[in-house]
Amino acid sequence: MHSPRSARPVRALAATLLVAALALAGCGSGADDKSAASASGAEAAAPDAGRPGAAGGGGGGGSRSRAAVPRLTQNTIIRTASLTVRVKDVPKALEEARATTENAGGFVGSENTGRDAQGHERTRLVLRVPAGKYDEVLAALEGTGTLVDRTTKAEDVTDQVVDVDSRVKSQRAAVARVRELMDRATGIRDVVALEGELNTRQADLEALLARQASLKDRTSLATITLSLSATPVKKAAKENGPGFLDALAGGWHAFVTLLRWIALAIGAVLPFAVLAALLALLWLRAVRPRLSARGAAAPGPLPAAGAVPGHEERGERD
C-alpha cells in the first residue's frame, strides 16, 4: 500500500505539467488559427476546381474561375485632416460646420473659442465624421471661407487590424480551454494554478479588446480639426506701397507714443523729485542757518601757556 504522502508530489507534478501545457497551447493557438483559416480556404476552393466550369475545363471556364478567386482584404485606413479657414462671421461659419458634420452622421468632439491679440474671434473644432463622408465633409468645410492651410494624412493599419482580430480569437479560445479545465479539476492546487492562468489570459484578452475597439473607432470615423478665424474689418483694397498719408499717420503715431513714454517717465520720477526738493528746502531753511550761527558764536584761539612777552623781547635784544 502507498502512503498518502507519496501522492502529494505526484499531484504537484501533474499541476505543473498542466500549466506548462496550457502555456504552450496559448502560444501555438495563433498558428493553429492561421493554419485552420488557410485550410478552410483551400477546402472552399477545392470544390470549385473539381467542377466542369473550373479553370482548365471546357468553354466558359474563364468567367467561373474569376468568380472563384477569393476577395482580398479591404484596406483599413485612419484618415485625419487639419484645416484653417478665414471667414467674415465666425459664429455663422461655426453653425454651418456643425450642421455639415451632423448631416453627415458625425459629431463635434471638442470646441474652443477665443480672441487673438487684435481682438479677432477664433474657434477650433475637432470633428468626427464617418469615413465614407470624409471627402464630402472636407470639401464643404473648405467652402465656408478662404482656405489658409490644409493638412491631410492617411495611415494604413490593415495589418494591425488583422493581427489584433486573430489574437483576440486565439485568446478567447485559450480562455475557454482554461475554464473547461477548471470545471474538470478536482484538486485544490490544480484549481489555484488554473485560476492564476485564467486571470492572466483574461487580462490579455481585455487589453486586446480595448485595442481592437480603438482601431475600429479610428478607422470608422475620420478626424477633422477645423480652425476658424475672423477676417480683419479694415483691409486695404489694393496691395500697394505706403503713401504720404500712411507715412503721416505713422509719424503721428510715433510722436504720440513718444509723448506717452515721456509722460510715463515723468510720472515715475515725480515722487522722488518732490522728496528731494523738500529735503533741499529743509536744509536751506532750517539746518544751514543754525550751523552758520554756531560758527559765528565760537571764541578765538587762546595764547600759548607760559609765554611771557617781555622775556621774548629781552632775548632778541641780547
Foldseek 3Di string as FASTA:
>chain_A
DDDPVVVVVVVVVVLVVVLVVLVVLLVCLLVVVVVVVVVVLVVQLVVQCPDQLDPPHDPPNVVSPVVSDDDDDDWFKFKEKEWEFEAADVVVLVVQLQVLQVVQVWHWPDKDWDADPVGWIKMKTKIKGFPVCVVVSVVSSCPRHPTDDMDMDMDTCRVVLVVLVSSLVSLVVSLVVLVVVLVVDDDPVSNVSSVVVNVVSVVVNVVSVVVNVVSVRSRRIHIYMYMYIHDDPDDDPDPDDDDPVNVVVVVVVVVVVVVVVVVVVCVVCVVVVVVVVVVVVCCVPPVVVVVVVVVVPDDDDDDDPPDDVVVVVVVVVD
